[in-house]
Amino acid sequence: MGKSLMEDLVIEKLSTVYDPEVPVNIWELGLVYGIEFPKQNEVIVTMTLTAPGCPIADQIVQEVHDVVLTLDGIDEVTVNLTFEPAWTPDRMSEVAKLELGFGI
């Protein structure tokens, strides 16, 4: 399976994870900074949260790990949580901005 197809499948899975405080998935919020495939069966997801003190950070990171691991052909998932650069609403997709009522 090609990298771009696998990346699309990872994005599809990431789009099912929501920050419970916001009715938009983490992909549309722009919380995912990177998806890497260092080996054929391994994925590294680099992501952030809307706020560094998020009380459910561990829950979101675990959910990202678990949903990506359900993909056929993926045996290892690492989720790197970073706050550099800090997340801003500018990272949100047009869909997320519309959903949350941000002017475009």
PDB file of N, CA and C in Angstrom:
ATOM      1  N   MET A   1       0.855  -1.183   0.000  1.00  0.00           N
ATOM      2  CA  MET A   1       0.000   0.000   0.000  1.00  0.00           C
ATOM      3  C   MET A   1       0.893   1.236   0.000  1.00  0.00           C
ATOM      4  N   GLY A   2       0.583   2.193  -0.862  1.00  0.00           N
ATOM      5  CA  GLY A   2       1.395   3.390  -0.980  1.00  0.00           C
ATOM      6  C   GLY A   2       1.257   4.301   0.228  1.00  0.00           C
ATOM      7  N   LYS A   3       2.285   5.128   0.415  1.00  0.00           N
ATOM      8  CA  LYS A   3       2.306   6.039   1.560  1.00  0.00           C
ATOM      9  C   LYS A   3       1.117   6.992   1.538  1.00  0.00           C
ATOM     10  N   SER A   4       0.791   7.540   0.375  1.00  0.00           N
ATOM     11  CA  SER A   4      -0.290   8.527   0.338  1.00  0.00           C
ATOM     12  C   SER A   4      -1.634   7.890   0.665  1.00  0.00           C
ATOM     13  N   LEU A   5      -1.864   6.653   0.224  1.00  0.00           N
ATOM     14  CA  LEU A   5      -3.105   5.969   0.563  1.00  0.00           C
ATOM     15  C   LEU A   5      -3.162   5.700   2.061  1.00  0.00           C
ATOM     16  N   MET A   6      -2.047   5.245   2.624  1.00  0.00           N
ATOM     17  CA  MET A   6      -2.003   4.979   4.065  1.00  0.00           C
ATOM     18  C   MET A   6      -2.189   6.280   4.842  1.00  0.00           C
ATOM     19  N   GLU A   7      -1.576   7.351   4.354  1.00  0.00           N
ATOM     20  CA  GLU A   7      -1.745   8.650   5.019  1.00  0.00           C
ATOM     21  C   GLU A   7      -3.215   9.076   4.995  1.00  0.00           C
ATOM     22  N   ASP A   8      -3.889   8.864   3.879  1.00  0.00           N
ATOM     23  CA  ASP A   8      -5.323   9.168   3.789  1.00  0.00           C
ATOM     24  C   ASP A   8      -6.127   8.349   4.801  1.00  0.00           C
ATOM     25  N   LEU A   9      -5.754   7.085   4.969  1.00  0.00           N
ATOM     26  CA  LEU A   9      -6.447   6.230   5.936  1.00  0.00           C
ATOM     27  C   LEU A   9      -6.198   6.697   7.369  1.00  0.00           C
ATOM     28  N   VAL A  10      -4.974   7.138   7.649  1.00  0.00           N
ATOM     29  CA  VAL A  10      -4.668   7.664   8.979  1.00  0.00           C
ATOM     30  C   VAL A  10      -5.490   8.931   9.226  1.00  0.00           C
ATOM     31  N   ILE A  11      -5.551   9.811   8.242  1.00  0.00           N
ATOM     32  CA  ILE A  11      -6.339  11.044   8.382  1.00  0.00           C
ATOM     33  C   ILE A  11      -7.807  10.717   8.613  1.00  0.00           C
ATOM     34  N   GLU A  12      -8.306   9.718   7.895  1.00  0.00           N
ATOM     35  CA  GLU A  12      -9.696   9.291   8.082  1.00  0.00           C
ATOM     36  C   GLU A  12      -9.929   8.862   9.533  1.00  0.00           C
ATOM     37  N   LYS A  13      -8.998   8.111  10.098  1.00  0.00           N
ATOM     38  CA  LYS A  13      -9.111   7.675  11.495  1.00  0.00           C
ATOM     39  C   LYS A  13      -9.003   8.863  12.449  1.00  0.00           C
ATOM     40  N   LEU A  14      -8.059   9.767  12.185  1.00  0.00           N
ATOM     41  CA  LEU A  14      -7.881  10.937  13.048  1.00  0.00           C
ATOM     42  C   LEU A  14      -9.137  11.819  13.041  1.00  0.00           C
ATOM     43  N   SER A  15      -9.866  11.783  11.943  1.00  0.00           N
ATOM     44  CA  SER A  15     -11.084  12.581  11.817  1.00  0.00           C
ATOM     45  C   SER A  15     -12.232  12.046  12.671  1.00  0.00           C
ATOM     46  N   THR A  16     -12.009  10.910  13.337  1.00  0.00           N
ATOM     47  CA  THR A  16     -13.039  10.364  14.228  1.00  0.00           C
ATOM     48  C   THR A  16     -12.769  10.723  15.687  1.00  0.00           C
ATOM     49  N   VAL A  17     -11.652  11.417  15.941  1.00  0.00           N
ATOM     50  CA  VAL A  17     -11.280  11.781  17.311  1.00  0.00           C
ATOM     51  C   VAL A  17     -11.673  13.238  17.558  1.00  0.00           C
ATOM     52  N   TYR A  18     -12.398  13.446  18.645  1.00  0.00           N
ATOM     53  CA  TYR A  18     -12.879  14.778  18.977  1.00  0.00           C
ATOM     54  C   TYR A  18     -12.349  15.227  20.328  1.00  0.00           C
ATOM     55  N   ASP A  19     -12.073  16.514  20.434  1.00  0.00           N
ATOM     56  CA  ASP A  19     -11.833  17.135  21.725  1.00  0.00           C
ATOM     57  C   ASP A  19     -13.227  17.304  22.326  1.00  0.00           C
ATOM     58  N   PRO A  20     -13.510  16.712  23.489  1.00  0.00           N
ATOM     59  CA  PRO A  20     -14.866  16.759  24.046  1.00  0.00           C
ATOM     60  C   PRO A  20     -15.406  18.167  24.272  1.00  0.00           C
ATOM     61  N   GLU A  21     -14.521  19.150  24.347  1.00  0.00           N
ATOM     62  CA  GLU A  21     -14.963  20.522  24.581  1.00  0.00           C
ATOM     63  C   GLU A  21     -15.373  21.229  23.281  1.00  0.00           C
ATOM     64  N   VAL A  22     -15.001  20.659  22.138  1.00  0.00           N
ATOM     65  CA  VAL A  22     -15.228  21.315  20.848  1.00  0.00           C
ATOM     66  C   VAL A  22     -15.890  20.316  19.895  1.00  0.00           C
ATOM     67  N   PRO A  23     -16.981  20.709  19.228  1.00  0.00           N
ATOM     68  CA  PRO A  23     -17.698  19.761  18.363  1.00  0.00           C
ATOM     69  C   PRO A  23     -17.075  19.579  16.976  1.00  0.00           C
ATOM     70  N   VAL A  24     -15.744  19.588  16.911  1.00  0.00           N
ATOM     71  CA  VAL A  24     -15.019  19.443  15.643  1.00  0.00           C
ATOM     72  C   VAL A  24     -13.880  18.455  15.885  1.00  0.00           C
ATOM     73  N   ASN A  25     -13.607  17.603  14.883  1.00  0.00           N
ATOM     74  CA  ASN A  25     -12.546  16.603  15.077  1.00  0.00           C
ATOM     75  C   ASN A  25     -11.157  17.239  15.076  1.00  0.00           C
ATOM     76  N   ILE A  26     -10.184  16.483  15.609  1.00  0.00           N
ATOM     77  CA  ILE A  26      -8.837  17.032  15.787  1.00  0.00           C
ATOM     78  C   ILE A  26      -8.148  17.363  14.465  1.00  0.00           C
ATOM     79  N   TRP A  27      -8.517  16.648  13.390  1.00  0.00           N
ATOM     80  CA  TRP A  27      -7.915  16.935  12.084  1.00  0.00           C
ATOM     81  C   TRP A  27      -8.379  18.298  11.581  1.00  0.00           C
ATOM     82  N   GLU A  28      -9.692  18.539  11.612  1.00  0.00           N
ATOM     83  CA  GLU A  28     -10.242  19.814  11.132  1.00  0.00           C
ATOM     84  C   GLU A  28      -9.822  20.975  12.033  1.00  0.00           C
ATOM     85  N   LEU A  29      -9.584  20.689  13.315  1.00  0.00           N
ATOM     86  CA  LEU A  29      -9.112  21.734  14.234  1.00  0.00           C
ATOM     87  C   LEU A  29      -7.662  22.133  13.956  1.00  0.00           C
ATOM     88  N   GLY A  30      -6.956  21.304  13.195  1.00  0.00           N
ATOM     89  CA  GLY A  30      -5.550  21.600  12.910  1.00  0.00           C
ATOM     90  C   GLY A  30      -4.623  21.194  14.046  1.00  0.00           C
ATOM     91  N   LEU A  31      -5.061  20.233  14.853  1.00  0.00           N
ATOM     92  CA  LEU A  31      -4.240  19.789  15.976  1.00  0.00           C
ATOM     93  C   LEU A  31      -3.159  18.800  15.565  1.00  0.00           C
ATOM     94  N   VAL A  32      -3.280  18.229  14.372  1.00  0.00           N
ATOM     95  CA  VAL A  32      -2.277  17.271  13.887  1.00  0.00           C
ATOM     96  C   VAL A  32      -1.238  18.042  13.079  1.00  0.00           C
ATOM     97  N   TYR A  33       0.000  17.999  13.564  1.00  0.00           N
ATOM     98  CA  TYR A  33       1.086  18.726  12.903  1.00  0.00           C
ATOM     99  C   TYR A  33       1.836  17.866  11.894  1.00  0.00           C
ATOM    100  N   GLY A  34       1.793  16.548  12.080  1.00  0.00           N
ATOM    101  CA  GLY A  34       2.538  15.709  11.156  1.00  0.00           C
ATOM    102  C   GLY A  34       2.175  14.244  11.274  1.00  0.00           C
ATOM    103  N   ILE A  35       2.291  13.539  10.142  1.00  0.00           N
ATOM    104  CA  ILE A  35       2.103  12.090  10.082  1.00  0.00           C
ATOM    105  C   ILE A  35       3.312  11.547   9.339  1.00  0.00           C
ATOM    106  N   GLU A  36       4.062  10.675  10.007  1.00  0.00           N
ATOM    107  CA  GLU A  36       5.271  10.124   9.397  1.00  0.00           C
ATOM    108  C   GLU A  36       5.202   8.602   9.397  1.00  0.00           C
ATOM    109  N   PHE A  37       5.888   8.019   8.424  1.00  0.00           N
ATOM    110  CA  PHE A  37       5.962   6.569   8.282  1.00  0.00           C
ATOM    111  C   PHE A  37       7.431   6.162   8.248  1.00  0.00           C
ATOM    112  N   PRO A  38       8.085   6.075   9.430  1.00  0.00           N
ATOM    113  CA  PRO A  38       9.513   5.742   9.432  1.00  0.00           C
ATOM    114  C   PRO A  38       9.804   4.330   8.927  1.00  0.00           C
ATOM    115  N   LYS A  39       8.859   3.419   9.135  1.00  0.00           N
ATOM    116  CA  LYS A  39       8.958   2.058   8.616  1.00  0.00           C
ATOM    117  C   LYS A  39       7.606   1.702   8.017  1.00  0.00           C
ATOM    118  N   GLN A  40       7.570   0.645   7.264  1.00  0.00           N
ATOM    119  CA  GLN A  40       6.355   0.262   6.546  1.00  0.00           C
ATOM    120  C   GLN A  40       5.137   0.115   7.462  1.00  0.00           C
ATOM    121  N   ASN A  41       5.301  -0.473   8.632  1.00  0.00           N
ATOM    122  CA  ASN A  41       4.167  -0.757   9.505  1.00  0.00           C
ATOM    123  C   ASN A  41       4.089   0.177  10.711  1.00  0.00           C
ATOM    124  N   GLU A  42       4.768   1.314  10.628  1.00  0.00           N
ATOM    125  CA  GLU A  42       4.853   2.222  11.777  1.00  0.00           C
ATOM    126  C   GLU A  42       4.373   3.622  11.391  1.00  0.00           C
ATOM    127  N   VAL A  43       3.642   4.247  12.310  1.00  0.00           N
ATOM    128  CA  VAL A  43       3.157   5.612  12.111  1.00  0.00           C
ATOM    129  C   VAL A  43       3.549   6.446  13.322  1.00  0.00           C
ATOM    130  N   ILE A  44       4.029   7.649  13.050  1.00  0.00           N
ATOM    131  CA  ILE A  44       4.263   8.625  14.111  1.00  0.00           C
ATOM    132  C   ILE A  44       3.349   9.814  13.840  1.00  0.00           C
ATOM    133  N   VAL A  45       2.498  10.122  14.805  1.00  0.00           N
ATOM    134  CA  VAL A  45       1.601  11.268  14.702  1.00  0.00           C
ATOM    135  C   VAL A  45       2.114  12.334  15.665  1.00  0.00           C
ATOM    136  N   THR A  46       2.399  13.509  15.139  1.00  0.00           N
ATOM    137  CA  THR A  46       2.794  14.638  15.976  1.00  0.00           C
ATOM    138  C   THR A  46       1.600  15.571  16.042  1.00  0.00           C
ATOM    139  N   MET A  47       1.191  15.876  17.274  1.00  0.00           N
ATOM    140  CA  MET A  47      -0.021  16.677  17.435  1.00  0.00           C
ATOM    141  C   MET A  47       0.102  17.588  18.650  1.00  0.00           C
ATOM    142  N   THR A  48      -0.859  18.466  18.760  1.00  0.00           N
ATOM    143  CA  THR A  48      -0.936  19.377  19.887  1.00  0.00           C
ATOM    144  C   THR A  48      -2.355  19.363  20.420  1.00  0.00           C
ATOM    145  N   LEU A  49      -2.615  20.209  21.378  1.00  0.00           N
ATOM    146  CA  LEU A  49      -3.958  20.378  21.919  1.00  0.00           C
ATOM    147  C   LEU A  49      -4.284  21.864  21.892  1.00  0.00           C
ATOM    148  N   THR A  50      -5.553  22.185  22.034  1.00  0.00           N
ATOM    149  CA  THR A  50      -5.939  23.599  21.979  1.00  0.00           C
ATOM    150  C   THR A  50      -5.376  24.378  23.159  1.00  0.00           C
ATOM    151  N   ALA A  51      -5.106  23.686  24.279  1.00  0.00           N
ATOM    152  CA  ALA A  51      -4.542  24.361  25.451  1.00  0.00           C
ATOM    153  C   ALA A  51      -3.569  23.405  26.153  1.00  0.00           C
ATOM    154  N   PRO A  52      -2.400  23.908  26.572  1.00  0.00           N
ATOM    155  CA  PRO A  52      -1.419  23.051  27.229  1.00  0.00           C
ATOM    156  C   PRO A  52      -1.945  22.369  28.491  1.00  0.00           C
ATOM    157  N   GLY A  53      -2.839  22.981  29.210  1.00  0.00           N
ATOM    158  CA  GLY A  53      -3.335  22.405  30.448  1.00  0.00           C
ATOM    159  C   GLY A  53      -4.566  21.541  30.277  1.00  0.00           C
ATOM    160  N   CYS A  54      -4.802  21.061  29.073  1.00  0.00           N
ATOM    161  CA  CYS A  54      -5.994  20.268  28.780  1.00  0.00           C
ATOM    162  C   CYS A  54      -6.111  19.088  29.757  1.00  0.00           C
ATOM    163  N   PRO A  55      -7.208  19.009  30.528  1.00  0.00           N
ATOM    164  CA  PRO A  55      -7.329  17.952  31.531  1.00  0.00           C
ATOM    165  C   PRO A  55      -7.493  16.550  30.948  1.00  0.00           C
ATOM    166  N   ILE A  56      -7.870  16.452  29.691  1.00  0.00           N
ATOM    167  CA  ILE A  56      -8.074  15.130  29.092  1.00  0.00           C
ATOM    168  C   ILE A  56      -7.030  14.831  28.016  1.00  0.00           C
ATOM    169  N   ALA A  57      -5.874  15.473  28.120  1.00  0.00           N
ATOM    170  CA  ALA A  57      -4.798  15.280  27.139  1.00  0.00           C
ATOM    171  C   ALA A  57      -4.458  13.809  26.967  1.00  0.00           C
ATOM    172  N   ASP A  58      -4.282  13.096  28.078  1.00  0.00           N
ATOM    173  CA  ASP A  58      -3.913  11.684  27.997  1.00  0.00           C
ATOM    174  C   ASP A  58      -4.973  10.872  27.281  1.00  0.00           C
ATOM    175  N   GLN A  59      -6.233  11.207  27.517  1.00  0.00           N
ATOM    176  CA  GLN A  59      -7.350  10.494  26.884  1.00  0.00           C
ATOM    177  C   GLN A  59      -7.342  10.707  25.371  1.00  0.00           C
ATOM    178  N   ILE A  60      -7.115  11.924  24.933  1.00  0.00           N
ATOM    179  CA  ILE A  60      -7.086  12.219  23.496  1.00  0.00           C
ATOM    180  C   ILE A  60      -5.896  11.519  22.832  1.00  0.00           C
ATOM    181  N   VAL A  61      -4.722  11.599  23.453  1.00  0.00           N
ATOM    182  CA  VAL A  61      -3.521  10.944  22.907  1.00  0.00           C
ATOM    183  C   VAL A  61      -3.754   9.437  22.809  1.00  0.00           C
ATOM    184  N   GLN A  62      -4.336   8.843  23.828  1.00  0.00           N
ATOM    185  CA  GLN A  62      -4.611   7.399  23.819  1.00  0.00           C
ATOM    186  C   GLN A  62      -5.600   7.042  22.713  1.00  0.00           C
ATOM    187  N   GLU A  63      -6.623   7.880  22.536  1.00  0.00           N
ATOM    188  CA  GLU A  63      -7.614   7.616  21.489  1.00  0.00           C
ATOM    189  C   GLU A  63      -6.979   7.692  20.100  1.00  0.00           C
ATOM    190  N   VAL A  64      -6.107   8.682  19.888  1.00  0.00           N
ATOM    191  CA  VAL A  64      -5.394   8.795  18.603  1.00  0.00           C
ATOM    192  C   VAL A  64      -4.578   7.526  18.372  1.00  0.00           C
ATOM    193  N   HIS A  65      -3.836   7.108  19.367  1.00  0.00           N
ATOM    194  CA  HIS A  65      -3.030   5.890  19.271  1.00  0.00           C
ATOM    195  C   HIS A  65      -3.905   4.696  18.897  1.00  0.00           C
ATOM    196  N   ASP A  66      -5.005   4.536  19.629  1.00  0.00           N
ATOM    197  CA  ASP A  66      -5.844   3.358  19.454  1.00  0.00           C
ATOM    198  C   ASP A  66      -6.541   3.317  18.093  1.00  0.00           C
ATOM    199  N   VAL A  67      -7.039   4.460  17.596  1.00  0.00           N
ATOM    200  CA  VAL A  67      -7.750   4.430  16.308  1.00  0.00           C
ATOM    201  C   VAL A  67      -6.793   4.194  15.145  1.00  0.00           C
ATOM    202  N   VAL A  68      -5.591   4.752  15.221  1.00  0.00           N
ATOM    203  CA  VAL A  68      -4.624   4.542  14.136  1.00  0.00           C
ATOM    204  C   VAL A  68      -4.138   3.090  14.143  1.00  0.00           C
ATOM    205  N   LEU A  69      -4.004   2.518  15.316  1.00  0.00           N
ATOM    206  CA  LEU A  69      -3.544   1.133  15.429  1.00  0.00           C
ATOM    207  C   LEU A  69      -4.550   0.130  14.840  1.00  0.00           C
ATOM    208  N   THR A  70      -5.802   0.531  14.659  1.00  0.00           N
ATOM    209  CA  THR A  70      -6.804  -0.364  14.075  1.00  0.00           C
ATOM    210  C   THR A  70      -6.616  -0.555  12.569  1.00  0.00           C
ATOM    211  N   LEU A  71      -5.785   0.264  11.942  1.00  0.00           N
ATOM    212  CA  LEU A  71      -5.574   0.143  10.494  1.00  0.00           C
ATOM    213  C   LEU A  71      -4.810  -1.127  10.153  1.00  0.00           C
ATOM    214  N   ASP A  72      -5.270  -1.823   9.130  1.00  0.00           N
ATOM    215  CA  ASP A  72      -4.557  -3.001   8.639  1.00  0.00           C
ATOM    216  C   ASP A  72      -3.167  -2.583   8.173  1.00  0.00           C
ATOM    217  N   GLY A  73      -2.173  -3.335   8.577  1.00  0.00           N
ATOM    218  CA  GLY A  73      -0.810  -3.045   8.146  1.00  0.00           C
ATOM    219  C   GLY A  73      -0.059  -2.131   9.089  1.00  0.00           C
ATOM    220  N   ILE A  74      -0.702  -1.622  10.114  1.00  0.00           N
ATOM    221  CA  ILE A  74      -0.027  -0.768  11.097  1.00  0.00           C
ATOM    222  C   ILE A  74       0.134  -1.561  12.387  1.00  0.00           C
ATOM    223  N   ASP A  75       1.387  -1.735  12.795  1.00  0.00           N
ATOM    224  CA  ASP A  75       1.686  -2.516  13.994  1.00  0.00           C
ATOM    225  C   ASP A  75       2.181  -1.647  15.146  1.00  0.00           C
ATOM    226  N   GLU A  76       2.630  -0.440  14.815  1.00  0.00           N
ATOM    227  CA  GLU A  76       3.215   0.417  15.844  1.00  0.00           C
ATOM    228  C   GLU A  76       2.795   1.860  15.603  1.00  0.00           C
ATOM    229  N   VAL A  77       2.284   2.507  16.663  1.00  0.00           N
ATOM    230  CA  VAL A  77       1.866   3.910  16.586  1.00  0.00           C
ATOM    231  C   VAL A  77       2.510   4.665  17.731  1.00  0.00           C
ATOM    232  N   THR A  78       3.148   5.770  17.402  1.00  0.00           N
ATOM    233  CA  THR A  78       3.699   6.667  18.410  1.00  0.00           C
ATOM    234  C   THR A  78       2.990   8.003  18.247  1.00  0.00           C
ATOM    235  N   VAL A  79       2.507   8.553  19.349  1.00  0.00           N
ATOM    236  CA  VAL A  79       1.876   9.872  19.318  1.00  0.00           C
ATOM    237  C   VAL A  79       2.766  10.814  20.108  1.00  0.00           C
ATOM    238  N   ASN A  80       3.318  11.802  19.410  1.00  0.00           N
ATOM    239  CA  ASN A  80       4.158  12.811  20.052  1.00  0.00           C
ATOM    240  C   ASN A  80       3.316  14.051  20.293  1.00  0.00           C
ATOM    241  N   LEU A  81       3.199  14.445  21.538  1.00  0.00           N
ATOM    242  CA  LEU A  81       2.444  15.636  21.900  1.00  0.00           C
ATOM    243  C   LEU A  81       3.418  16.788  22.038  1.00  0.00           C
ATOM    244  N   THR A  82       3.135  17.883  21.342  1.00  0.00           N
ATOM    245  CA  THR A  82       4.013  19.049  21.372  1.00  0.00           C
ATOM    246  C   THR A  82       3.177  20.310  21.540  1.00  0.00           C
ATOM    247  N   PHE A  83       3.795  21.340  22.051  1.00  0.00           N
ATOM    248  CA  PHE A  83       3.120  22.637  22.149  1.00  0.00           C
ATOM    249  C   PHE A  83       3.941  23.701  21.436  1.00  0.00           C
ATOM    250  N   GLU A  84       4.847  23.238  20.568  1.00  0.00           N
ATOM    251  CA  GLU A  84       5.667  24.138  19.753  1.00  0.00           C
ATOM    252  C   GLU A  84       5.497  23.773  18.289  1.00  0.00           C
ATOM    253  N   PRO A  85       4.994  24.585  17.452  1.00  0.00           N
ATOM    254  CA  PRO A  85       4.437  25.898  17.785  1.00  0.00           C
ATOM    255  C   PRO A  85       3.085  25.746  18.472  1.00  0.00           C
ATOM    256  N   ALA A  86       2.717  26.769  19.212  1.00  0.00           N
ATOM    257  CA  ALA A  86       1.433  26.751  19.909  1.00  0.00           C
ATOM    258  C   ALA A  86       0.294  26.749  18.898  1.00  0.00           C
ATOM    259  N   TRP A  87      -0.763  26.033  19.229  1.00  0.00           N
ATOM    260  CA  TRP A  87      -1.944  25.991  18.357  1.00  0.00           C
ATOM    261  C   TRP A  87      -2.653  27.332  18.402  1.00  0.00           C
ATOM    262  N   THR A  88      -3.164  27.765  17.253  1.00  0.00           N
ATOM    263  CA  THR A  88      -4.010  28.961  17.176  1.00  0.00           C
ATOM    264  C   THR A  88      -5.194  28.625  16.279  1.00  0.00           C
ATOM    265  N   PRO A  89      -6.285  29.361  16.395  1.00  0.00           N
ATOM    266  CA  PRO A  89      -7.443  29.109  15.531  1.00  0.00           C
ATOM    267  C   PRO A  89      -7.132  29.220  14.036  1.00  0.00           C
ATOM    268  N   ASP A  90      -6.033  29.878  13.685  1.00  0.00           N
ATOM    269  CA  ASP A  90      -5.640  29.980  12.270  1.00  0.00           C
ATOM    270  C   ASP A  90      -5.350  28.616  11.655  1.00  0.00           C
ATOM    271  N   ARG A  91      -5.050  27.622  12.479  1.00  0.00           N
ATOM    272  CA  ARG A  91      -4.730  26.284  11.978  1.00  0.00           C
ATOM    273  C   ARG A  91      -5.977  25.484  11.592  1.00  0.00           C
ATOM    274  N   MET A  92      -7.154  25.982  11.980  1.00  0.00           N
ATOM    275  CA  MET A  92      -8.389  25.249  11.691  1.00  0.00           C
ATOM    276  C   MET A  92      -8.720  25.280  10.204  1.00  0.00           C
ATOM    277  N   SER A  93      -9.362  24.223   9.743  1.00  0.00           N
ATOM    278  CA  SER A  93      -9.824  24.172   8.354  1.00  0.00           C
ATOM    279  C   SER A  93     -11.013  25.112   8.197  1.00  0.00           C
ATOM    280  N   GLU A  94     -11.368  25.390   6.958  1.00  0.00           N
ATOM    281  CA  GLU A  94     -12.549  26.220   6.682  1.00  0.00           C
ATOM    282  C   GLU A  94     -13.792  25.574   7.284  1.00  0.00           C
ATOM    283  N   VAL A  95     -13.862  24.237   7.219  1.00  0.00           N
ATOM    284  CA  VAL A  95     -14.999  23.498   7.775  1.00  0.00           C
ATOM    285  C   VAL A  95     -15.122  23.763   9.266  1.00  0.00           C
ATOM    286  N   ALA A  96     -13.997  23.679   9.981  1.00  0.00           N
ATOM    287  CA  ALA A  96     -14.009  23.893  11.425  1.00  0.00           C
ATOM    288  C   ALA A  96     -14.402  25.330  11.752  1.00  0.00           C
ATOM    289  N   LYS A  97     -13.868  26.282  10.987  1.00  0.00           N
ATOM    290  CA  LYS A  97     -14.183  27.687  11.240  1.00  0.00           C
ATOM    291  C   LYS A  97     -15.678  27.939  11.064  1.00  0.00           C
ATOM    292  N   LEU A  98     -16.249  27.356  10.023  1.00  0.00           N
ATOM    293  CA  LEU A  98     -17.689  27.516   9.804  1.00  0.00           C
ATOM    294  C   LEU A  98     -18.491  26.855  10.927  1.00  0.00           C
ATOM    295  N   GLU A  99     -18.079  25.649  11.309  1.00  0.00           N
ATOM    296  CA  GLU A  99     -18.765  24.893  12.363  1.00  0.00           C
ATOM    297  C   GLU A  99     -18.763  25.654  13.692  1.00  0.00           C
ATOM    298  N   LEU A 100     -17.652  26.327  13.977  1.00  0.00           N
ATOM    299  CA  LEU A 100     -17.508  27.033  15.252  1.00  0.00           C
ATOM    300  C   LEU A 100     -17.902  28.507  15.166  1.00  0.00           C
ATOM    301  N   GLY A 101     -18.337  28.939  13.989  1.00  0.00           N
ATOM    302  CA  GLY A 101     -18.837  30.296  13.836  1.00  0.00           C
ATOM    303  C   GLY A 101     -17.754  31.363  13.731  1.00  0.00           C
ATOM    304  N   PHE A 102     -16.560  30.964  13.301  1.00  0.00           N
ATOM    305  CA  PHE A 102     -15.497  31.949  13.074  1.00  0.00           C
ATOM    306  C   PHE A 102     -15.757  32.614  11.733  1.00  0.00           C
ATOM    307  N   GLY A 103     -15.599  33.917  11.685  1.00  0.00           N
ATOM    308  CA  GLY A 103     -15.732  34.613  10.410  1.00  0.00           C
ATOM    309  C   GLY A 103     -14.597  34.242   9.497  1.00  0.00           C
ATOM    310  N   ILE A 104     -14.901  34.095   8.228  1.00  0.00           N
ATOM    311  CA  ILE A 104     -13.856  33.707   7.267  1.00  0.00           C
ATOM    312  C   ILE A 104     -13.617  34.854   6.313  1.00  0.00           C
TER     313      ILE A 104
END
